Amino acid sequence: WDKRINLELVNGDGMTALDAAEERMDTMASFRKRLTWMALKSAGAPN
């Protein structure tokens, strides 16, 4: 929610924050994981 945060930055593996979250999202995703993913998506974090 802070506009100073750059959502498009990639890490050493070339992944954005949303990519890094989805990389670890398994088929039995917990509620906390889903909320984290939704927070990223609602903020417009790119893949």
ModelCIF file with pLDDT and N, C-alpha, C, O atoms, coordinates in Angstrom:
data_MODEL
#
_entry.id   MODEL 
#
_entity.id                         1 
_entity.type                       polymer 
_entity.pdbx_number_of_molecules   1 
#
_entity_poly.entity_id                      1 
_entity_poly.type                           'polypeptide(L)' 
_entity_poly.nstd_linkage                   no 
_entity_poly.nstd_monomer                   no 
_entity_poly.pdbx_seq_one_letter_code       WDKRINLELVNGDGMTALDAAEERMDTMASFRKRLTWMALKSAGAPN 
_entity_poly.pdbx_seq_one_letter_code_can   WDKRINLELVNGDGMTALDAAEERMDTMASFRKRLTWMALKSAGAPN 
_entity_poly.pdbx_strand_id                 A 
#
loop_
_entity_poly_seq.entity_id 
_entity_poly_seq.num 
_entity_poly_seq.mon_id 
_entity_poly_seq.hetero 
1 1  TRP n 
1 2  ASP n 
1 3  LYS n 
1 4  ARG n 
1 5  ILE n 
1 6  ASN n 
1 7  LEU n 
1 8  GLU n 
1 9  LEU n 
1 10 VAL n 
1 11 ASN n 
1 12 GLY n 
1 13 ASP n 
1 14 GLY n 
1 15 MET n 
1 16 THR n 
1 17 ALA n 
1 18 LEU n 
1 19 ASP n 
1 20 ALA n 
1 21 ALA n 
1 22 GLU n 
1 23 GLU n 
1 24 ARG n 
1 25 MET n 
1 26 ASP n 
1 27 THR n 
1 28 MET n 
1 29 ALA n 
1 30 SER n 
1 31 PHE n 
1 32 ARG n 
1 33 LYS n 
1 34 ARG n 
1 35 LEU n 
1 36 THR n 
1 37 TRP n 
1 38 MET n 
1 39 ALA n 
1 40 LEU n 
1 41 LYS n 
1 42 SER n 
1 43 ALA n 
1 44 GLY n 
1 45 ALA n 
1 46 PRO n 
1 47 ASN n 
#
_struct_asym.id          A 
_struct_asym.entity_id   1 
#
loop_
_ma_qa_metric.id 
_ma_qa_metric.mode 
_ma_qa_metric.name 
_ma_qa_metric.software_group_id 
_ma_qa_metric.type 
1 global pLDDT . pLDDT 
2 local  pLDDT . pLDDT 
#
_ma_qa_metric_global.metric_id      1 
_ma_qa_metric_global.metric_value   83.85 
_ma_qa_metric_global.model_id       1 
_ma_qa_metric_global.ordinal_id     1 
#
loop_
_ma_qa_metric_local.label_asym_id 
_ma_qa_metric_local.label_comp_id 
_ma_qa_metric_local.label_seq_id 
_ma_qa_metric_local.metric_id 
_ma_qa_metric_local.metric_value 
_ma_qa_metric_local.model_id 
_ma_qa_metric_local.ordinal_id 
A TRP 1  2 89.00 1 1  
A ASP 2  2 91.00 1 2  
A LYS 3  2 91.00 1 3  
A ARG 4  2 94.00 1 4  
A ILE 5  2 94.00 1 5  
A ASN 6  2 93.00 1 6  
A LEU 7  2 93.00 1 7  
A GLU 8  2 92.00 1 8  
A LEU 9  2 93.00 1 9  
A VAL 10 2 93.00 1 10 
A ASN 11 2 92.00 1 11 
A GLY 12 2 90.00 1 12 
A ASP 13 2 89.00 1 13 
A GLY 14 2 90.00 1 14 
A MET 15 2 92.00 1 15 
A THR 16 2 92.00 1 16 
A ALA 17 2 93.00 1 17 
A LEU 18 2 90.00 1 18 
A ASP 19 2 90.00 1 19 
A ALA 20 2 89.00 1 20 
A ALA 21 2 88.00 1 21 
A GLU 22 2 85.00 1 22 
A GLU 23 2 84.00 1 23 
A ARG 24 2 78.00 1 24 
A MET 25 2 74.00 1 25 
A ASP 26 2 64.00 1 26 
A THR 27 2 53.00 1 27 
A MET 28 2 52.00 1 28 
A ALA 29 2 57.00 1 29 
A SER 30 2 69.00 1 30 
A PHE 31 2 68.00 1 31 
A ARG 32 2 79.00 1 32 
A LYS 33 2 81.00 1 33 
A ARG 34 2 76.00 1 34 
A LEU 35 2 80.00 1 35 
A THR 36 2 87.00 1 36 
A TRP 37 2 84.00 1 37 
A MET 38 2 81.00 1 38 
A ALA 39 2 85.00 1 39 
A LEU 40 2 89.00 1 40 
A LYS 41 2 85.00 1 41 
A SER 42 2 81.00 1 42 
A ALA 43 2 86.00 1 43 
A GLY 44 2 86.00 1 44 
A ALA 45 2 87.00 1 45 
A PRO 46 2 88.00 1 46 
A ASN 47 2 84.00 1 47 
#
loop_
_atom_site.group_PDB 
_atom_site.id 
_atom_site.type_symbol 
_atom_site.label_atom_id 
_atom_site.label_alt_id 
_atom_site.label_comp_id 
_atom_site.label_asym_id 
_atom_site.label_entity_id 
_atom_site.label_seq_id 
_atom_site.pdbx_PDB_ins_code 
_atom_site.Cartn_x 
_atom_site.Cartn_y 
_atom_site.Cartn_z 
_atom_site.occupancy 
_atom_site.B_iso_or_equiv 
_atom_site.pdbx_formal_charge 
_atom_site.auth_seq_id 
_atom_site.auth_comp_id 
_atom_site.auth_asym_id 
_atom_site.auth_atom_id 
_atom_site.pdbx_PDB_model_num 
ATOM 1   N N  . TRP A 1 1  ? 0.810  -1.207  0.000   1.00 89.00 ? 1  TRP A N  1 
ATOM 2   C CA . TRP A 1 1  ? 0.000  0.000   0.000   1.00 89.00 ? 1  TRP A CA 1 
ATOM 3   C C  . TRP A 1 1  ? 0.848  1.264   0.000   1.00 89.00 ? 1  TRP A C  1 
ATOM 4   O O  . TRP A 1 1  ? 0.332  2.359   -0.227  1.00 89.00 ? 1  TRP A O  1 
ATOM 5   N N  . ASP A 1 2  ? 2.144  1.121   0.253   1.00 91.00 ? 2  ASP A N  1 
ATOM 6   C CA . ASP A 1 2  ? 3.050  2.270   0.205   1.00 91.00 ? 2  ASP A CA 1 
ATOM 7   C C  . ASP A 1 2  ? 3.511  2.481   -1.240  1.00 91.00 ? 2  ASP A C  1 
ATOM 8   O O  . ASP A 1 2  ? 4.106  1.584   -1.835  1.00 91.00 ? 2  ASP A O  1 
ATOM 9   N N  . LYS A 1 3  ? 3.244  3.639   -1.795  1.00 91.00 ? 3  LYS A N  1 
ATOM 10  C CA . LYS A 1 3  ? 3.546  3.916   -3.198  1.00 91.00 ? 3  LYS A CA 1 
ATOM 11  C C  . LYS A 1 3  ? 5.041  3.935   -3.492  1.00 91.00 ? 3  LYS A C  1 
ATOM 12  O O  . LYS A 1 3  ? 5.444  3.857   -4.653  1.00 91.00 ? 3  LYS A O  1 
ATOM 13  N N  . ARG A 1 4  ? 5.863  4.038   -2.460  1.00 94.00 ? 4  ARG A N  1 
ATOM 14  C CA . ARG A 1 4  ? 7.312  4.060   -2.682  1.00 94.00 ? 4  ARG A CA 1 
ATOM 15  C C  . ARG A 1 4  ? 7.884  2.673   -2.940  1.00 94.00 ? 4  ARG A C  1 
ATOM 16  O O  . ARG A 1 4  ? 9.012  2.543   -3.415  1.00 94.00 ? 4  ARG A O  1 
ATOM 17  N N  . ILE A 1 5  ? 7.116  1.642   -2.630  1.00 94.00 ? 5  ILE A N  1 
ATOM 18  C CA . ILE A 1 5  ? 7.568  0.272   -2.849  1.00 94.00 ? 5  ILE A CA 1 
ATOM 19  C C  . ILE A 1 5  ? 7.441  -0.066  -4.335  1.00 94.00 ? 5  ILE A C  1 
ATOM 20  O O  . ILE A 1 5  ? 6.377  0.088   -4.934  1.00 94.00 ? 5  ILE A O  1 
ATOM 21  N N  . ASN A 1 6  ? 8.537  -0.523  -4.907  1.00 93.00 ? 6  ASN A N  1 
ATOM 22  C CA . ASN A 1 6  ? 8.550  -0.916  -6.317  1.00 93.00 ? 6  ASN A CA 1 
ATOM 23  C C  . ASN A 1 6  ? 8.135  -2.382  -6.420  1.00 93.00 ? 6  ASN A C  1 
ATOM 24  O O  . ASN A 1 6  ? 8.898  -3.276  -6.054  1.00 93.00 ? 6  ASN A O  1 
ATOM 25  N N  . LEU A 1 7  ? 6.934  -2.620  -6.916  1.00 93.00 ? 7  LEU A N  1 
ATOM 26  C CA . LEU A 1 7  ? 6.400  -3.979  -7.001  1.00 93.00 ? 7  LEU A CA 1 
ATOM 27  C C  . LEU A 1 7  ? 7.021  -4.783  -8.135  1.00 93.00 ? 7  LEU A C  1 
ATOM 28  O O  . LEU A 1 7  ? 6.858  -6.002  -8.189  1.00 93.00 ? 7  LEU A O  1 
ATOM 29  N N  . GLU A 1 8  ? 7.731  -4.113  -9.041  1.00 92.00 ? 8  GLU A N  1 
ATOM 30  C CA . GLU A 1 8  ? 8.251  -4.789  -10.231 1.00 92.00 ? 8  GLU A CA 1 
ATOM 31  C C  . GLU A 1 8  ? 9.684  -5.277  -10.068 1.00 92.00 ? 8  GLU A C  1 
ATOM 32  O O  . GLU A 1 8  ? 10.215 -5.925  -10.970 1.00 92.00 ? 8  GLU A O  1 
ATOM 33  N N  . LEU A 1 9  ? 10.323 -4.981  -8.937  1.00 93.00 ? 9  LEU A N  1 
ATOM 34  C CA . LEU A 1 9  ? 11.702 -5.418  -8.742  1.00 93.00 ? 9  LEU A CA 1 
ATOM 35  C C  . LEU A 1 9  ? 11.781 -6.946  -8.704  1.00 93.00 ? 9  LEU A C  1 
ATOM 36  O O  . LEU A 1 9  ? 10.899 -7.612  -8.161  1.00 93.00 ? 9  LEU A O  1 
ATOM 37  N N  . VAL A 1 10 ? 12.843 -7.485  -9.286  1.00 93.00 ? 10 VAL A N  1 
ATOM 38  C CA . VAL A 1 10 ? 13.058 -8.933  -9.299  1.00 93.00 ? 10 VAL A CA 1 
ATOM 39  C C  . VAL A 1 10 ? 14.264 -9.275  -8.452  1.00 93.00 ? 10 VAL A C  1 
ATOM 40  O O  . VAL A 1 10 ? 15.169 -8.455  -8.295  1.00 93.00 ? 10 VAL A O  1 
ATOM 41  N N  . ASN A 1 11 ? 14.282 -10.487 -7.901  1.00 92.00 ? 11 ASN A N  1 
ATOM 42  C CA . ASN A 1 11 ? 15.407 -10.935 -7.078  1.00 92.00 ? 11 ASN A CA 1 
ATOM 43  C C  . ASN A 1 11 ? 16.463 -11.623 -7.939  1.00 92.00 ? 11 ASN A C  1 
ATOM 44  O O  . ASN A 1 11 ? 16.428 -11.529 -9.166  1.00 92.00 ? 11 ASN A O  1 
ATOM 45  N N  . GLY A 1 12 ? 17.393 -12.310 -7.298  1.00 90.00 ? 12 GLY A N  1 
ATOM 46  C CA . GLY A 1 12 ? 18.472 -12.963 -8.024  1.00 90.00 ? 12 GLY A CA 1 
ATOM 47  C C  . GLY A 1 12 ? 18.001 -14.065 -8.953  1.00 90.00 ? 12 GLY A C  1 
ATOM 48  O O  . GLY A 1 12 ? 18.707 -14.423 -9.895  1.00 90.00 ? 12 GLY A O  1 
ATOM 49  N N  . ASP A 1 13 ? 16.812 -14.611 -8.701  1.00 89.00 ? 13 ASP A N  1 
ATOM 50  C CA . ASP A 1 13 ? 16.251 -15.647 -9.570  1.00 89.00 ? 13 ASP A CA 1 
ATOM 51  C C  . ASP A 1 13 ? 15.345 -15.064 -10.650 1.00 89.00 ? 13 ASP A C  1 
ATOM 52  O O  . ASP A 1 13 ? 14.683 -15.802 -11.380 1.00 89.00 ? 13 ASP A O  1 
ATOM 53  N N  . GLY A 1 14 ? 15.320 -13.730 -10.748 1.00 90.00 ? 14 GLY A N  1 
ATOM 54  C CA . GLY A 1 14 ? 14.503 -13.088 -11.769 1.00 90.00 ? 14 GLY A CA 1 
ATOM 55  C C  . GLY A 1 14 ? 13.029 -13.092 -11.464 1.00 90.00 ? 14 GLY A C  1 
ATOM 56  O O  . GLY A 1 14 ? 12.219 -13.000 -12.387 1.00 90.00 ? 14 GLY A O  1 
ATOM 57  N N  . MET A 1 15 ? 12.639 -13.197 -10.188 1.00 92.00 ? 15 MET A N  1 
ATOM 58  C CA . MET A 1 15 ? 11.229 -13.271 -9.812  1.00 92.00 ? 15 MET A CA 1 
ATOM 59  C C  . MET A 1 15 ? 10.797 -12.023 -9.060  1.00 92.00 ? 15 MET A C  1 
ATOM 60  O O  . MET A 1 15 ? 11.537 -11.496 -8.229  1.00 92.00 ? 15 MET A O  1 
ATOM 61  N N  . THR A 1 16 ? 9.600  -11.560 -9.359  1.00 92.00 ? 16 THR A N  1 
ATOM 62  C CA . THR A 1 16 ? 8.984  -10.511 -8.566  1.00 92.00 ? 16 THR A CA 1 
ATOM 63  C C  . THR A 1 16 ? 8.489  -11.118 -7.246  1.00 92.00 ? 16 THR A C  1 
ATOM 64  O O  . THR A 1 16 ? 8.561  -12.329 -7.039  1.00 92.00 ? 16 THR A O  1 
ATOM 65  N N  . ALA A 1 17 ? 7.985  -10.249 -6.359  1.00 93.00 ? 17 ALA A N  1 
ATOM 66  C CA . ALA A 1 17 ? 7.462  -10.754 -5.087  1.00 93.00 ? 17 ALA A CA 1 
ATOM 67  C C  . ALA A 1 17 ? 6.290  -11.698 -5.315  1.00 93.00 ? 17 ALA A C  1 
ATOM 68  O O  . ALA A 1 17 ? 6.151  -12.700 -4.614  1.00 93.00 ? 17 ALA A O  1 
ATOM 69  N N  . LEU A 1 18 ? 5.442  -11.381 -6.299  1.00 90.00 ? 18 LEU A N  1 
ATOM 70  C CA . LEU A 1 18 ? 4.313  -12.255 -6.607  1.00 90.00 ? 18 LEU A CA 1 
ATOM 71  C C  . LEU A 1 18 ? 4.787  -13.595 -7.152  1.00 90.00 ? 18 LEU A C  1 
ATOM 72  O O  . LEU A 1 18 ? 4.238  -14.640 -6.804  1.00 90.00 ? 18 LEU A O  1 
ATOM 73  N N  . ASP A 1 19 ? 5.808  -13.565 -8.008  1.00 90.00 ? 19 ASP A N  1 
ATOM 74  C CA . ASP A 1 19 ? 6.374  -14.817 -8.514  1.00 90.00 ? 19 ASP A CA 1 
ATOM 75  C C  . ASP A 1 19 ? 6.919  -15.664 -7.373  1.00 90.00 ? 19 ASP A C  1 
ATOM 76  O O  . ASP A 1 19 ? 6.706  -16.875 -7.330  1.00 90.00 ? 19 ASP A O  1 
ATOM 77  N N  . ALA A 1 20 ? 7.629  -15.013 -6.442  1.00 89.00 ? 20 ALA A N  1 
ATOM 78  C CA . ALA A 1 20 ? 8.234  -15.733 -5.319  1.00 89.00 ? 20 ALA A CA 1 
ATOM 79  C C  . ALA A 1 20 ? 7.171  -16.392 -4.454  1.00 89.00 ? 20 ALA A C  1 
ATOM 80  O O  . ALA A 1 20 ? 7.372  -17.497 -3.950  1.00 89.00 ? 20 ALA A O  1 
ATOM 81  N N  . ALA A 1 21 ? 6.028  -15.707 -4.280  1.00 88.00 ? 21 ALA A N  1 
ATOM 82  C CA . ALA A 1 21 ? 4.930  -16.290 -3.502  1.00 88.00 ? 21 ALA A CA 1 
ATOM 83  C C  . ALA A 1 21 ? 4.300  -17.462 -4.239  1.00 88.00 ? 21 ALA A C  1 
ATOM 84  O O  . ALA A 1 21 ? 4.048  -18.513 -3.649  1.00 88.00 ? 21 ALA A O  1 
ATOM 85  N N  . GLU A 1 22 ? 4.047  -17.280 -5.534  1.00 85.00 ? 22 GLU A N  1 
ATOM 86  C CA . GLU A 1 22 ? 3.394  -18.329 -6.307  1.00 85.00 ? 22 GLU A CA 1 
ATOM 87  C C  . GLU A 1 22 ? 4.304  -19.535 -6.493  1.00 85.00 ? 22 GLU A C  1 
ATOM 88  O O  . GLU A 1 22 ? 3.826  -20.658 -6.652  1.00 85.00 ? 22 GLU A O  1 
ATOM 89  N N  . GLU A 1 23 ? 5.613  -19.307 -6.475  1.00 84.00 ? 23 GLU A N  1 
ATOM 90  C CA . GLU A 1 23 ? 6.570  -20.404 -6.597  1.00 84.00 ? 23 GLU A CA 1 
ATOM 91  C C  . GLU A 1 23 ? 6.413  -21.397 -5.456  1.00 84.00 ? 23 GLU A C  1 
ATOM 92  O O  . GLU A 1 23 ? 6.679  -22.588 -5.616  1.00 84.00 ? 23 GLU A O  1 
ATOM 93  N N  . ARG A 1 24 ? 5.977  -20.894 -4.297  1.00 78.00 ? 24 ARG A N  1 
ATOM 94  C CA . ARG A 1 24 ? 5.863  -21.731 -3.090  1.00 78.00 ? 24 ARG A CA 1 
ATOM 95  C C  . ARG A 1 24 ? 4.417  -22.057 -2.743  1.00 78.00 ? 24 ARG A C  1 
ATOM 96  O O  . ARG A 1 24 ? 4.146  -22.626 -1.686  1.00 78.00 ? 24 ARG A O  1 
ATOM 97  N N  . MET A 1 25 ? 3.494  -21.703 -3.618  1.00 74.00 ? 25 MET A N  1 
ATOM 98  C CA . MET A 1 25 ? 2.084  -22.003 -3.391  1.00 74.00 ? 25 MET A CA 1 
ATOM 99  C C  . MET A 1 25 ? 1.799  -23.437 -3.803  1.00 74.00 ? 25 MET A C  1 
ATOM 100 O O  . MET A 1 25 ? 1.867  -23.773 -4.985  1.00 74.00 ? 25 MET A O  1 
ATOM 101 N N  . ASP A 1 26 ? 1.478  -24.288 -2.824  1.00 64.00 ? 26 ASP A N  1 
ATOM 102 C CA . ASP A 1 26 ? 1.221  -25.689 -3.132  1.00 64.00 ? 26 ASP A CA 1 
ATOM 103 C C  . ASP A 1 26 ? -0.277 -25.940 -3.240  1.00 64.00 ? 26 ASP A C  1 
ATOM 104 O O  . ASP A 1 26 ? -1.086 -25.023 -3.102  1.00 64.00 ? 26 ASP A O  1 
ATOM 105 N N  . THR A 1 27 ? -0.628 -27.188 -3.487  1.00 53.00 ? 27 THR A N  1 
ATOM 106 C CA . THR A 1 27 ? -2.037 -27.531 -3.696  1.00 53.00 ? 27 THR A CA 1 
ATOM 107 C C  . THR A 1 27 ? -2.864 -27.513 -2.416  1.00 53.00 ? 27 THR A C  1 
ATOM 108 O O  . THR A 1 27 ? -4.093 -27.536 -2.469  1.00 53.00 ? 27 THR A O  1 
ATOM 109 N N  . MET A 1 28 ? -2.193 -27.473 -1.263  1.00 52.00 ? 28 MET A N  1 
ATOM 110 C CA . MET A 1 28 ? -2.905 -27.394 0.012   1.00 52.00 ? 28 MET A CA 1 
ATOM 111 C C  . MET A 1 28 ? -2.577 -26.072 0.686   1.00 52.00 ? 28 MET A C  1 
ATOM 112 O O  . MET A 1 28 ? -2.223 -26.028 1.864   1.00 52.00 ? 28 MET A O  1 
ATOM 113 N N  . ALA A 1 29 ? -2.700 -24.990 -0.085  1.00 57.00 ? 29 ALA A N  1 
ATOM 114 C CA . ALA A 1 29 ? -2.331 -23.674 0.409   1.00 57.00 ? 29 ALA A CA 1 
ATOM 115 C C  . ALA A 1 29 ? -3.148 -23.313 1.647   1.00 57.00 ? 29 ALA A C  1 
ATOM 116 O O  . ALA A 1 29 ? -4.367 -23.479 1.671   1.00 57.00 ? 29 ALA A O  1 
ATOM 117 N N  . SER A 1 30 ? -2.461 -22.819 2.670   1.00 69.00 ? 30 SER A N  1 
ATOM 118 C CA . SER A 1 30 ? -3.131 -22.430 3.901   1.00 69.00 ? 30 SER A CA 1 
ATOM 119 C C  . SER A 1 30 ? -3.830 -21.089 3.712   1.00 69.00 ? 30 SER A C  1 
ATOM 120 O O  . SER A 1 30 ? -3.616 -20.390 2.722   1.00 69.00 ? 30 SER A O  1 
ATOM 121 N N  . PHE A 1 31 ? -4.664 -20.752 4.679   1.00 68.00 ? 31 PHE A N  1 
ATOM 122 C CA . PHE A 1 31 ? -5.396 -19.486 4.612   1.00 68.00 ? 31 PHE A CA 1 
ATOM 123 C C  . PHE A 1 31 ? -4.425 -18.313 4.610   1.00 68.00 ? 31 PHE A C  1 
ATOM 124 O O  . PHE A 1 31 ? -4.645 -17.329 3.904   1.00 68.00 ? 31 PHE A O  1 
ATOM 125 N N  . ARG A 1 32 ? -3.353 -18.405 5.393   1.00 79.00 ? 32 ARG A N  1 
ATOM 126 C CA . ARG A 1 32 ? -2.370 -17.315 5.442   1.00 79.00 ? 32 ARG A CA 1 
ATOM 127 C C  . ARG A 1 32 ? -1.686 -17.126 4.092   1.00 79.00 ? 32 ARG A C  1 
ATOM 128 O O  . ARG A 1 32 ? -1.431 -15.995 3.679   1.00 79.00 ? 32 ARG A O  1 
ATOM 129 N N  . LYS A 1 33 ? -1.391 -18.216 3.407   1.00 81.00 ? 33 LYS A N  1 
ATOM 130 C CA . LYS A 1 33 ? -0.785 -18.126 2.087   1.00 81.00 ? 33 LYS A CA 1 
ATOM 131 C C  . LYS A 1 33 ? -1.736 -17.465 1.093   1.00 81.00 ? 33 LYS A C  1 
ATOM 132 O O  . LYS A 1 33 ? -1.314 -16.656 0.267   1.00 81.00 ? 33 LYS A O  1 
ATOM 133 N N  . ARG A 1 34 ? -3.002 -17.808 1.174   1.00 76.00 ? 34 ARG A N  1 
ATOM 134 C CA . ARG A 1 34 ? -3.977 -17.244 0.256   1.00 76.00 ? 34 ARG A CA 1 
ATOM 135 C C  . ARG A 1 34 ? -4.149 -15.745 0.498   1.00 76.00 ? 34 ARG A C  1 
ATOM 136 O O  . ARG A 1 34 ? -4.270 -14.966 -0.448  1.00 76.00 ? 34 ARG A O  1 
ATOM 137 N N  . LEU A 1 35 ? -4.160 -15.351 1.767   1.00 80.00 ? 35 LEU A N  1 
ATOM 138 C CA . LEU A 1 35 ? -4.276 -13.930 2.077   1.00 80.00 ? 35 LEU A CA 1 
ATOM 139 C C  . LEU A 1 35 ? -3.061 -13.161 1.564   1.00 80.00 ? 35 LEU A C  1 
ATOM 140 O O  . LEU A 1 35 ? -3.195 -12.048 1.055   1.00 80.00 ? 35 LEU A O  1 
ATOM 141 N N  . THR A 1 36 ? -1.875 -13.756 1.699   1.00 87.00 ? 36 THR A N  1 
ATOM 142 C CA . THR A 1 36 ? -0.666 -13.109 1.200   1.00 87.00 ? 36 THR A CA 1 
ATOM 143 C C  . THR A 1 36 ? -0.749 -12.917 -0.301  1.00 87.00 ? 36 THR A C  1 
ATOM 144 O O  . THR A 1 36 ? -0.428 -11.847 -0.819  1.00 87.00 ? 36 THR A O  1 
ATOM 145 N N  . TRP A 1 37 ? -1.179 -13.954 -0.994  1.00 84.00 ? 37 TRP A N  1 
ATOM 146 C CA . TRP A 1 37 ? -1.310 -13.869 -2.445  1.00 84.00 ? 37 TRP A CA 1 
ATOM 147 C C  . TRP A 1 37 ? -2.330 -12.807 -2.835  1.00 84.00 ? 37 TRP A C  1 
ATOM 148 O O  . TRP A 1 37 ? -2.106 -12.041 -3.773  1.00 84.00 ? 37 TRP A O  1 
ATOM 149 N N  . MET A 1 38 ? -3.452 -12.759 -2.116  1.00 81.00 ? 38 MET A N  1 
ATOM 150 C CA . MET A 1 38 ? -4.477 -11.772 -2.432  1.00 81.00 ? 38 MET A CA 1 
ATOM 151 C C  . MET A 1 38 ? -3.993 -10.347 -2.190  1.00 81.00 ? 38 MET A C  1 
ATOM 152 O O  . MET A 1 38 ? -4.342 -9.438  -2.942  1.00 81.00 ? 38 MET A O  1 
ATOM 153 N N  . ALA A 1 39 ? -3.181 -10.145 -1.131  1.00 85.00 ? 39 ALA A N  1 
ATOM 154 C CA . ALA A 1 39 ? -2.637 -8.810  -0.862  1.00 85.00 ? 39 ALA A CA 1 
ATOM 155 C C  . ALA A 1 39 ? -1.758 -8.347  -2.004  1.00 85.00 ? 39 ALA A C  1 
ATOM 156 O O  . ALA A 1 39 ? -1.799 -7.175  -2.379  1.00 85.00 ? 39 ALA A O  1 
ATOM 157 N N  . LEU A 1 40 ? -0.963 -9.245  -2.564  1.00 89.00 ? 40 LEU A N  1 
ATOM 158 C CA . LEU A 1 40 ? -0.097 -8.903  -3.690  1.00 89.00 ? 40 LEU A CA 1 
ATOM 159 C C  . LEU A 1 40 ? -0.911 -8.609  -4.945  1.00 89.00 ? 40 LEU A C  1 
ATOM 160 O O  . LEU A 1 40 ? -0.651 -7.632  -5.648  1.00 89.00 ? 40 LEU A O  1 
ATOM 161 N N  . LYS A 1 41 ? -1.898 -9.461  -5.221  1.00 85.00 ? 41 LYS A N  1 
ATOM 162 C CA . LYS A 1 41 ? -2.703 -9.275  -6.421  1.00 85.00 ? 41 LYS A CA 1 
ATOM 163 C C  . LYS A 1 41 ? -3.531 -7.997  -6.350  1.00 85.00 ? 41 LYS A C  1 
ATOM 164 O O  . LYS A 1 41 ? -3.624 -7.268  -7.338  1.00 85.00 ? 41 LYS A O  1 
ATOM 165 N N  . SER A 1 42 ? -4.125 -7.720  -5.212  1.00 81.00 ? 42 SER A N  1 
ATOM 166 C CA . SER A 1 42 ? -4.972 -6.530  -5.086  1.00 81.00 ? 42 SER A CA 1 
ATOM 167 C C  . SER A 1 42 ? -4.168 -5.249  -5.208  1.00 81.00 ? 42 SER A C  1 
ATOM 168 O O  . SER A 1 42 ? -4.711 -4.206  -5.574  1.00 81.00 ? 42 SER A O  1 
ATOM 169 N N  . ALA A 1 43 ? -2.863 -5.318  -4.901  1.00 86.00 ? 43 ALA A N  1 
ATOM 170 C CA . ALA A 1 43 ? -1.999 -4.141  -5.030  1.00 86.00 ? 43 ALA A CA 1 
ATOM 171 C C  . ALA A 1 43 ? -1.463 -3.986  -6.449  1.00 86.00 ? 43 ALA A C  1 
ATOM 172 O O  . ALA A 1 43 ? -0.791 -3.001  -6.756  1.00 86.00 ? 43 ALA A O  1 
ATOM 173 N N  . GLY A 1 44 ? -1.755 -4.950  -7.308  1.00 86.00 ? 44 GLY A N  1 
ATOM 174 C CA . GLY A 1 44 ? -1.286 -4.867  -8.688  1.00 86.00 ? 44 GLY A CA 1 
ATOM 175 C C  . GLY A 1 44 ? 0.120  -5.377  -8.899  1.00 86.00 ? 44 GLY A C  1 
ATOM 176 O O  . GLY A 1 44 ? 0.782  -4.986  -9.861  1.00 86.00 ? 44 GLY A O  1 
ATOM 177 N N  . ALA A 1 45 ? 0.594  -6.250  -8.011  1.00 87.00 ? 45 ALA A N  1 
ATOM 178 C CA . ALA A 1 45 ? 1.939  -6.809  -8.170  1.00 87.00 ? 45 ALA A CA 1 
ATOM 179 C C  . ALA A 1 45 ? 1.995  -7.643  -9.453  1.00 87.00 ? 45 ALA A C  1 
ATOM 180 O O  . ALA A 1 45 ? 1.123  -8.481  -9.682  1.00 87.00 ? 45 ALA A O  1 
ATOM 181 N N  . PRO A 1 46 ? 3.013  -7.420  -10.288 1.00 88.00 ? 46 PRO A N  1 
ATOM 182 C CA . PRO A 1 46 ? 3.063  -8.113  -11.584 1.00 88.00 ? 46 PRO A CA 1 
ATOM 183 C C  . PRO A 1 46 ? 3.763  -9.461  -11.500 1.00 88.00 ? 46 PRO A C  1 
ATOM 184 O O  . PRO A 1 46 ? 4.486  -9.744  -10.545 1.00 88.00 ? 46 PRO A O  1 
ATOM 185 N N  . ASN A 1 47 ? 3.538  -10.277 -12.504 1.00 84.00 ? 47 ASN A N  1 
ATOM 186 C CA . ASN A 1 47 ? 4.291  -11.512 -12.712 1.00 84.00 ? 47 ASN A CA 1 
ATOM 187 C C  . ASN A 1 47 ? 5.420  -11.240 -13.693 1.00 84.00 ? 47 ASN A C  1 
ATOM 188 O O  . ASN A 1 47 ? 6.188  -12.146 -14.017 1.00 84.00 ? 47 ASN A O  1 
#
